[in-house]
Protein backbone atom coordinates (compact mmCIF):
# COMPACT_ATOMS: atom_id res chain seq x y z
CA MET A 1 122.39 49.33 53.64
CA ILE A 2 121.58 51.25 50.47
CA GLU A 3 123.47 54.22 51.90
CA SER A 4 126.31 51.88 52.91
CA ALA A 5 125.73 52.61 56.63
CA ILE A 6 125.67 48.84 57.26
CA THR A 7 126.87 45.93 55.21
CA LEU A 8 124.74 43.19 53.71
CA GLY A 9 126.14 40.82 56.35
CA ASP A 10 125.06 43.18 59.16
CA PHE A 11 121.53 43.31 57.72
CA VAL A 12 121.25 39.51 57.49
CA ALA A 13 122.71 39.12 60.98
CA PHE A 14 120.20 41.66 62.38
CA GLY A 15 117.26 39.72 60.88
CA SER A 16 118.66 36.44 62.22
CA TYR A 17 119.02 37.89 65.71
CA LEU A 18 115.37 39.07 65.63
CA MET A 19 114.25 35.54 64.71
CA LEU A 20 116.37 34.07 67.49
CA LEU A 21 114.83 36.46 70.03
CA THR A 22 111.20 35.84 68.98
CA TRP A 23 110.55 32.52 70.82
CA PRO A 24 112.52 33.38 74.00
CA THR A 25 110.53 36.64 74.26
CA ALA A 26 107.24 34.76 73.78
CA ALA A 27 108.38 32.18 76.35
CA ILE A 28 109.09 34.93 78.90
CA ALA A 29 105.54 36.23 78.47
CA TRP A 30 104.16 32.69 78.84
CA ILE A 31 106.22 32.08 81.99
CA ILE A 32 105.09 35.38 83.54
CA ASN A 33 101.46 34.41 82.86
CA LEU A 34 102.08 30.94 84.30
CA ILE A 35 103.65 32.37 87.48
CA GLN A 36 100.70 34.73 88.01
CA ARG A 37 98.17 31.93 87.55
CA GLY A 38 100.23 29.70 89.85
CA GLN A 39 100.28 32.35 92.57
CA VAL A 40 96.48 32.65 92.48
CA SER A 41 96.06 28.86 92.54
CA LEU A 42 98.55 28.50 95.37
CA LYS A 43 96.63 31.07 97.41
CA ARG A 44 93.40 29.09 96.96
CA ILE A 45 95.13 25.85 97.96
CA GLN A 46 96.78 27.53 100.93
CA ASP A 47 93.41 28.90 102.09
CA ILE A 48 92.04 25.33 102.07
CA LEU A 49 95.08 23.92 103.89
CA ASP A 50 94.92 26.68 106.50
CA THR A 51 91.22 26.07 107.22
CA PRO A 52 90.91 24.10 110.48
CA PRO A 53 88.83 20.90 110.17
CA MET A 54 85.31 21.10 111.58
CA ILE A 55 85.47 17.54 112.94
CA THR A 56 88.27 17.08 115.49
CA ASP A 57 89.01 15.02 118.58
CA GLN A 58 87.78 16.43 121.85
CA ALA A 59 90.04 16.94 124.84
CA ASP A 60 88.57 13.97 126.75
CA VAL A 61 88.87 11.47 123.87
CA LYS A 62 89.80 7.90 124.87
CA THR A 63 92.97 7.31 122.85
CA ALA A 64 93.05 3.56 123.59
CA LEU A 65 89.81 2.90 121.74
CA SER A 66 89.92 1.15 118.35
CA LEU A 67 87.59 -0.98 116.25
CA THR A 68 88.67 -4.63 116.39
CA LYS A 69 85.29 -6.28 115.72
CA PRO A 70 81.86 -5.37 114.35
CA PRO A 71 80.43 -2.89 116.88
CA LYS A 72 76.95 -2.13 118.09
CA ILE A 73 75.70 1.21 116.79
CA GLU A 74 73.04 3.05 118.72
CA VAL A 75 71.40 6.38 117.91
CA LYS A 76 69.34 8.11 120.60
CA ASN A 77 66.97 10.98 119.80
CA LEU A 78 69.28 12.44 117.16
CA CYS A 79 68.31 15.87 115.89
CA PHE A 80 70.55 17.44 113.27
CA LYS A 81 70.59 20.72 111.40
CA ILE A 82 73.17 22.72 109.48
CA GLN A 83 73.85 26.08 111.15
CA ASN A 84 70.61 28.04 111.40
CA GLU A 85 68.70 26.02 108.82
CA ALA A 86 65.60 23.98 109.61
CA PRO A 87 66.30 20.56 111.23
CA ILE A 88 67.05 17.81 108.72
CA LEU A 89 66.86 14.87 111.13
CA LYS A 90 64.30 14.95 113.92
CA GLY A 91 64.28 12.57 116.88
CA ILE A 92 66.03 9.64 115.14
CA SER A 93 66.51 6.58 117.36
CA PHE A 94 67.56 3.03 116.43
CA THR A 95 70.02 0.28 117.32
CA ILE A 96 72.13 -1.93 115.03
CA GLN A 97 73.38 -5.09 116.71
CA PRO A 98 76.98 -6.21 116.00
CA GLY A 99 77.28 -7.83 112.58
CA HIS A 100 73.73 -6.89 111.56
CA THR A 101 72.64 -4.83 108.55
CA LEU A 102 70.34 -1.84 108.78
CA GLY A 103 68.44 -0.77 105.66
CA ILE A 104 67.30 2.82 105.28
CA PHE A 105 64.56 3.66 102.79
CA GLY A 106 62.86 6.92 101.98
CA PRO A 107 62.01 9.38 99.23
CA THR A 108 64.42 12.03 97.98
CA GLY A 109 65.10 14.71 100.58
CA SER A 110 64.11 12.58 103.56
CA GLY A 111 67.55 12.86 105.22
CA LYS A 112 69.12 9.51 104.26
CA THR A 113 72.43 10.94 103.04
CA VAL A 114 72.75 13.29 106.02
CA LEU A 115 72.23 10.33 108.36
CA SER A 116 74.94 8.35 106.55
CA ARG A 117 77.36 11.28 106.91
CA VAL A 118 76.56 11.53 110.62
CA LEU A 119 77.25 7.80 111.09
CA ALA A 120 80.54 8.17 109.19
CA ARG A 121 81.36 11.14 111.42
CA LEU A 122 81.63 13.54 108.54
CA GLU A 123 79.22 15.87 110.35
CA SER A 124 79.29 17.13 113.93
CA VAL A 125 76.85 15.35 116.21
CA PRO A 126 75.45 16.46 119.57
CA GLN A 127 76.74 14.75 122.67
CA ASN A 128 74.98 11.58 123.86
CA THR A 129 73.18 10.93 120.56
CA LEU A 130 75.45 8.43 118.74
CA PHE A 131 77.07 5.50 120.54
CA ILE A 132 79.55 2.90 119.30
CA ASP A 133 79.66 -0.13 121.60
CA ASP A 134 77.84 1.95 124.24
CA ILE A 135 80.52 4.67 124.13
CA ASP A 136 79.68 8.16 122.91
CA ILE A 137 81.12 8.71 119.43
CA LEU A 138 82.74 11.92 120.71
CA LYS A 139 84.90 9.80 123.02
CA TRP A 140 86.27 7.79 120.07
CA PRO A 141 89.52 8.98 118.42
CA LEU A 142 88.58 10.20 114.96
CA LYS A 143 91.46 8.39 113.24
CA ALA A 144 90.80 5.07 115.01
CA TYR A 145 87.09 5.21 114.18
CA ARG A 146 87.59 6.00 110.51
CA GLU A 147 90.29 3.36 110.13
CA GLY A 148 87.69 0.75 110.99
CA LEU A 149 85.02 2.21 108.71
CA SER A 150 84.40 2.06 104.95
CA TYR A 151 82.00 4.61 103.48
CA VAL A 152 80.74 4.88 99.90
CA PRO A 153 78.88 8.16 99.22
CA GLN A 154 76.39 8.77 96.42
CA GLU A 155 78.90 10.71 94.35
CA SER A 156 82.18 8.80 94.45
CA PHE A 157 85.48 10.43 93.52
CA LEU A 158 87.88 8.48 91.32
CA PHE A 159 91.47 9.49 90.66
CA SER A 160 93.12 9.83 87.26
CA ASP A 161 95.01 6.59 87.75
CA THR A 162 94.66 2.91 86.93
CA ILE A 163 91.70 0.83 88.08
CA ALA A 164 93.99 -1.19 90.35
CA GLN A 165 95.40 1.92 92.04
CA ASN A 166 91.89 3.32 92.55
CA VAL A 167 90.79 0.09 94.25
CA ALA A 168 93.94 -0.09 96.39
CA PHE A 169 93.78 3.57 97.40
CA TYR A 170 93.75 2.49 101.06
CA GLN A 171 97.52 1.87 100.80
CA PRO A 172 98.68 5.49 100.54
CA GLU A 173 102.39 4.82 101.09
CA SER A 174 102.65 1.70 98.96
CA LYS A 175 102.81 1.64 95.18
CA SER A 176 102.68 -2.16 95.10
CA VAL A 177 99.14 -3.41 94.61
CA GLN A 178 98.03 -6.76 96.01
CA SER A 179 96.47 -8.10 92.82
CA GLU A 180 94.60 -10.97 94.49
CA ALA A 181 92.99 -8.67 97.05
CA VAL A 182 92.09 -6.16 94.30
CA GLU A 183 90.49 -8.89 92.20
CA MET A 184 88.57 -10.26 95.19
CA ALA A 185 87.22 -6.80 96.02
CA SER A 186 86.25 -6.29 92.38
CA GLN A 187 84.44 -9.63 92.31
CA ASN A 188 82.47 -8.77 95.45
CA ALA A 189 81.58 -5.39 93.94
CA SER A 190 80.36 -7.12 90.73
CA ILE A 191 82.61 -5.05 88.48
CA GLU A 192 85.18 -7.68 87.52
CA TYR A 193 83.40 -8.50 84.25
CA ASP A 194 83.40 -4.81 83.23
CA ILE A 195 87.10 -4.47 84.06
CA HIS A 196 88.07 -7.43 81.87
CA ARG A 197 86.27 -5.82 78.92
CA PHE A 198 88.89 -3.06 78.91
CA PRO A 199 92.02 -3.82 76.81
CA LYS A 200 94.40 -3.30 79.75
CA ASN A 201 92.10 -4.74 82.45
CA TYR A 202 93.22 -3.49 85.88
CA ASP A 203 95.94 -1.30 84.31
CA THR A 204 93.33 0.79 82.47
CA LEU A 205 93.52 4.53 83.19
CA VAL A 206 90.05 5.72 84.23
CA GLY A 207 90.73 9.40 83.45
CA GLU A 208 89.85 12.46 85.52
CA LYS A 209 87.02 11.55 87.92
CA GLY A 210 86.56 8.24 86.09
CA VAL A 211 85.51 9.87 82.82
CA ILE A 212 85.65 6.61 80.83
CA LEU A 213 83.27 4.81 83.22
CA SER A 214 79.49 4.83 83.42
CA GLY A 215 77.68 5.92 86.58
CA GLY A 216 77.09 2.36 87.72
CA GLN A 217 80.71 1.40 87.05
CA LYS A 218 81.95 4.37 89.08
CA ASN A 219 79.77 3.35 92.04
CA ARG A 220 80.89 -0.27 91.91
CA LEU A 221 84.56 0.71 91.57
CA ALA A 222 84.16 2.91 94.66
CA LEU A 223 82.50 -0.03 96.40
CA SER A 224 85.41 -2.32 95.53
CA ARG A 225 87.73 0.30 97.08
CA ALA A 226 85.65 0.21 100.27
CA LEU A 227 85.64 -3.60 100.34
CA TYR A 228 89.41 -3.72 99.74
CA LYS A 229 90.03 -1.65 102.87
CA PRO A 230 89.87 -3.62 106.17
CA HIS A 231 86.75 -2.47 108.02
CA PHE A 232 84.21 -3.40 110.68
CA ILE A 233 81.58 -0.78 109.74
CA LEU A 234 80.30 -0.47 106.17
CA ILE A 235 78.06 2.44 105.10
CA LEU A 236 76.70 2.42 101.54
CA ASP A 237 74.71 5.44 100.38
CA ASP A 238 72.48 4.53 97.43
CA ILE A 239 75.20 2.83 95.37
CA LEU A 240 72.61 0.79 93.45
CA SER A 241 70.87 3.75 91.86
CA ALA A 242 72.68 3.38 88.51
CA VAL A 243 72.79 -0.41 88.02
CA ASP A 244 70.33 -2.74 86.33
CA HIS A 245 68.21 -5.26 88.21
CA LYS A 246 70.42 -8.24 87.31
CA THR A 247 73.60 -6.53 88.52
CA GLU A 248 71.81 -5.32 91.64
CA THR A 249 70.73 -8.88 92.52
CA LYS A 250 74.26 -10.24 92.11
CA LEU A 251 75.75 -7.36 94.09
CA ILE A 252 73.33 -7.83 96.98
CA GLN A 253 74.14 -11.55 97.09
CA ASN A 254 77.86 -10.73 97.31
CA LEU A 255 77.35 -8.14 100.05
CA PHE A 256 75.37 -10.55 102.22
CA LYS A 257 77.64 -13.50 101.48
CA ASN A 258 79.86 -12.77 104.51
CA LYS A 259 77.08 -11.48 106.70
CA GLY A 260 78.09 -10.95 110.32
CA GLN A 261 81.64 -9.78 109.64
CA THR A 262 80.66 -6.11 109.53
CA THR A 263 78.00 -3.86 111.01
CA SER A 264 76.44 -2.40 107.87
CA VAL A 265 74.14 0.43 106.86
CA LEU A 266 72.60 0.12 103.41
CA ILE A 267 70.74 3.16 102.10
CA SER A 268 68.61 2.73 99.01
CA HIS A 269 65.44 3.98 97.38
CA ARG A 270 65.10 0.58 95.69
CA VAL A 271 63.25 -1.77 98.00
CA SER A 272 64.68 -4.91 96.36
CA ALA A 273 68.13 -3.98 97.73
CA LEU A 274 66.86 -4.04 101.32
CA THR A 275 65.07 -7.39 101.40
CA HIS A 276 67.87 -9.19 103.29
CA CYS A 277 68.47 -6.47 105.90
CA ASP A 278 67.93 -7.41 109.56
CA GLN A 279 66.00 -4.17 110.13
CA ILE A 280 64.67 -1.44 107.84
CA LEU A 281 63.91 2.17 108.71
CA VAL A 282 61.51 4.26 106.63
CA LEU A 283 62.49 7.94 106.63
CA GLU A 284 60.15 10.72 105.58
CA GLU A 285 60.95 14.42 106.03
CA GLY A 286 63.62 13.65 108.62
CA HIS A 287 61.38 11.39 110.75
CA ILE A 288 61.33 7.61 111.14
CA THR A 289 57.77 6.86 110.09
CA ASP A 290 58.07 3.07 110.20
CA SER A 291 60.53 0.27 110.94
CA GLY A 292 60.72 -3.50 110.83
CA THR A 293 61.81 -6.33 108.59
CA HIS A 294 61.05 -6.44 104.88
CA GLN A 295 58.20 -8.88 105.42
CA SER A 296 56.62 -6.98 108.30
CA LEU A 297 56.72 -3.71 106.35
CA LEU A 298 54.97 -5.35 103.39
CA GLU A 299 52.10 -6.26 105.71
CA LYS A 300 51.44 -2.57 106.42
CA GLU A 301 49.95 0.05 104.16
CA GLY A 302 52.52 2.72 103.48
CA ILE A 303 55.17 4.12 101.17
CA TYR A 304 57.41 1.04 101.57
CA LYS A 305 54.73 -1.43 100.43
CA HIS A 306 53.53 0.78 97.58
CA THR A 307 57.10 1.34 96.32
CA TRP A 308 57.81 -2.41 96.49
CA GLN A 309 54.73 -3.20 94.39
CA TYR A 310 55.58 -0.53 91.82
CA GLN A 311 59.26 -1.52 91.51
CA LYS A 312 58.39 -5.20 91.32
CA LEU A 313 56.08 -4.46 88.39
CA GLU A 314 58.78 -2.31 86.78
CA ASN A 315 61.35 -5.13 87.07
CA THR A 316 58.89 -7.58 85.54
CA HIS A 317 58.57 -5.38 82.45
CA GLU A 318 62.36 -5.18 82.18
């Protein structure tokens, strides 16, 4: 410009063009980075989608079978292990009559959660070991069996959505939530009071994996989801581990209020949660070491009686 090779206007225009190109150039770099990250993520997702499920219907499945009432559940000499590991469950046998509740008690690592996953058919089971209404579980269509079952695991997954939508997750194709049914399920799960403490009640966003909720609230919200879904089998895996004694008592009363409408399995390391069960199994190191009613187990010396005495003393101090 000093040498008059370009005019002052050309110099100003050149600087303006550089400024105009700065953000589009940065955006191109950002988009290229985004595309590369997306390709890697898509590959991971595609690998998961392409993986065949481990649990599938067998060729001789009875397609006409479906759960229309509380079934009888019978386990015969069940032994279970994962691949070449040591057996987790060893010679498990028991029967749950239709509409009855089975309690399962045992220390950590005794195989309670694995047994719950087997009953929910989330793990492969050997033939002629698990029977539903005297029919081998492998003869039942997987979809029909799971449609009649509600299962609450120890670690429940909540979606980054409203409380109401998390409870009504059973309706995958419907965005309309039956508010009365959601409220009833929340009442039975003893979480209604907690929900009404939030400013937006049932319209409260729980965040990723329920980040705004405590451990006990997450478990009870997952329980309300299970109760909202129509079911004839209910499996609860230690959902009372993160609630106080008062909430536990109310929750147990609600669960046994409509006793007989479902065949239930209640797993807990807190003996007070099992007092109303029709039968209780004591699991230790994958074996059933004792069984009976709450009262009959208290008449025997063993881990069940000692745990009951300790927890009763602990609740008294609370």
